[in-house]
Protein backbone atom coordinates (compact mmCIF):
# COMPACT_ATOMS: atom_id res chain seq x y z
CA MET A 1 0.19 -20.85 19.61
CA SER A 2 -3.33 -22.25 21.57
CA GLN A 3 -2.27 -21.36 25.14
CA PHE A 4 -0.91 -17.56 24.16
CA SER A 5 -4.59 -17.50 22.15
CA VAL A 6 -6.30 -18.50 25.23
CA ILE A 7 -4.42 -16.41 27.49
CA VAL A 8 -4.91 -13.04 25.73
CA ARG A 9 -8.77 -14.04 25.19
CA GLU A 10 -9.04 -14.26 28.88
CA GLU A 11 -6.81 -10.63 29.65
CA LEU A 12 -9.03 -9.25 26.87
CA ALA A 13 -11.96 -10.45 27.95
CA SER A 14 -11.52 -8.86 31.40
CA LEU A 15 -11.30 -5.45 30.03
CA SER A 16 -14.30 -6.04 28.14
CA VAL A 17 -12.19 -6.11 24.92
CA SER A 18 -14.26 -8.31 22.22
CA ILE A 19 -13.37 -10.44 19.36
CA PRO A 20 -14.69 -9.77 16.40
CA PRO A 21 -13.00 -7.62 15.48
CA ALA A 22 -9.75 -9.67 15.06
CA ILE A 23 -6.49 -8.08 16.22
CA SER A 24 -2.81 -8.42 14.83
CA LEU A 25 0.32 -8.38 17.53
CA VAL A 26 3.36 -7.63 15.93
CA SER A 27 6.94 -8.00 17.12
CA CYS A 28 9.72 -7.21 14.97
CA SER A 29 13.40 -7.40 15.91
CA ASP A 30 13.97 -3.74 16.95
CA CYS A 31 10.16 -2.98 18.54
CA GLN A 32 8.09 -4.06 21.29
CA LEU A 33 5.03 -6.01 21.23
CA THR A 34 2.53 -3.78 19.28
CA LEU A 35 -1.51 -4.30 18.47
CA GLU A 36 -0.95 -3.55 14.42
CA SER A 37 -4.71 -3.64 13.64
CA GLU A 38 -7.42 -0.88 13.79
CA HIS A 39 -9.94 -1.68 16.35
CA PRO A 40 -12.40 0.17 18.27
CA GLN A 41 -10.97 -0.60 21.63
CA ARG A 42 -7.46 0.02 19.99
CA ASP A 43 -5.99 2.90 23.13
CA ARG A 44 -7.26 -0.14 25.63
CA ILE A 45 -5.48 -2.86 23.96
CA LEU A 46 -2.38 -0.97 23.73
CA ALA A 47 -2.90 0.22 27.32
CA TRP A 48 -2.93 -3.71 28.06
CA LEU A 49 -0.04 -4.29 26.37
CA ASP A 50 2.13 -1.90 27.33
CA GLY A 51 4.48 -3.68 30.14
CA ASN A 52 2.73 -6.84 29.45
CA ASP A 53 5.62 -8.79 30.11
CA ARG A 54 3.48 -11.98 30.84
CA VAL A 55 1.95 -11.80 27.51
CA ALA A 56 5.24 -10.55 25.57
CA LYS A 57 6.67 -13.98 27.17
CA TYR A 58 4.21 -16.37 25.75
CA PHE A 59 4.64 -13.91 22.10
CA LYS A 60 8.18 -14.82 22.53
CA GLU A 61 7.50 -18.46 22.63
CA VAL A 62 5.55 -18.79 19.63
CA GLU A 63 7.61 -16.64 17.90
CA VAL A 64 10.66 -19.16 18.73
CA LEU A 65 8.78 -22.57 17.75
CA PHE A 66 7.70 -20.84 14.44
CA GLU A 67 11.29 -19.49 13.39
CA VAL A 68 12.73 -22.95 14.29
CA VAL A 69 9.65 -24.69 11.61
CA ARG A 70 10.45 -21.54 9.19
CA ALA A 71 14.36 -22.65 9.25
CA THR A 72 13.81 -26.14 9.28
CA GLU A 73 11.53 -25.56 5.96
CA ASN A 74 14.14 -23.15 3.90
CA LEU A 75 17.60 -25.15 4.94
CA GLY A 76 19.77 -22.43 3.56
CA VAL A 77 17.81 -19.58 3.02
CA THR A 78 18.37 -16.38 4.88
CA PHE A 79 15.59 -14.30 5.79
CA ALA A 80 15.44 -10.11 5.36
CA GLU A 81 16.78 -8.52 8.79
CA ASP A 82 13.25 -6.96 8.97
CA SER A 83 11.10 -9.83 8.66
CA CYS A 84 8.65 -9.70 11.73
CA PHE A 85 5.98 -12.01 13.28
CA HIS A 86 2.72 -11.90 13.34
CA ILE A 87 -0.16 -13.34 15.61
CA GLY A 88 -3.85 -12.39 14.34
CA LEU A 89 -6.38 -13.55 16.85
CA THR A 90 -10.11 -13.91 15.61
CA SER A 91 -13.61 -15.40 16.14
CA ALA A 92 -12.05 -18.23 13.91
CA GLY A 93 -9.03 -18.83 16.16
CA PRO A 94 -5.07 -17.63 16.02
CA ILE A 95 -3.18 -17.10 12.81
CA ALA A 96 0.25 -16.76 12.73
CA TYR A 97 2.82 -15.72 10.23
CA PHE A 98 6.00 -13.29 9.18
CA GLN A 99 5.94 -10.58 6.62
CA ASP A 100 9.00 -8.50 6.09
CA GLN A 101 8.33 -4.74 6.66
CA GLN A 102 9.24 -2.08 8.40
CA CYS A 103 8.31 -1.89 12.24
CA THR A 104 7.25 1.44 13.23
CA PRO A 105 6.68 1.86 16.83
CA GLN A 106 3.53 2.29 18.41
């Protein structure tokens, strides 16, 4: 996850997008990677995400690793289909988690 954080921070810095405030990226099973949180530069971040295969690829790699850990820690548990994976980037560092919710494409 730290490599993903470094890549995102570098790319956003090149666009003059600052953290803080924190940003929350989310990917749901039927949605593309998008920005979930409010941010003063939201439109710039969404434009950057649109078609950004490199960031989407790294996000998916982190998501798969977290899914493996979650499955290993919860053997036999079936997770909700509407479970979405989030990566939050804060000034204190990244945070990753799953949340059951409906994903609304931006």
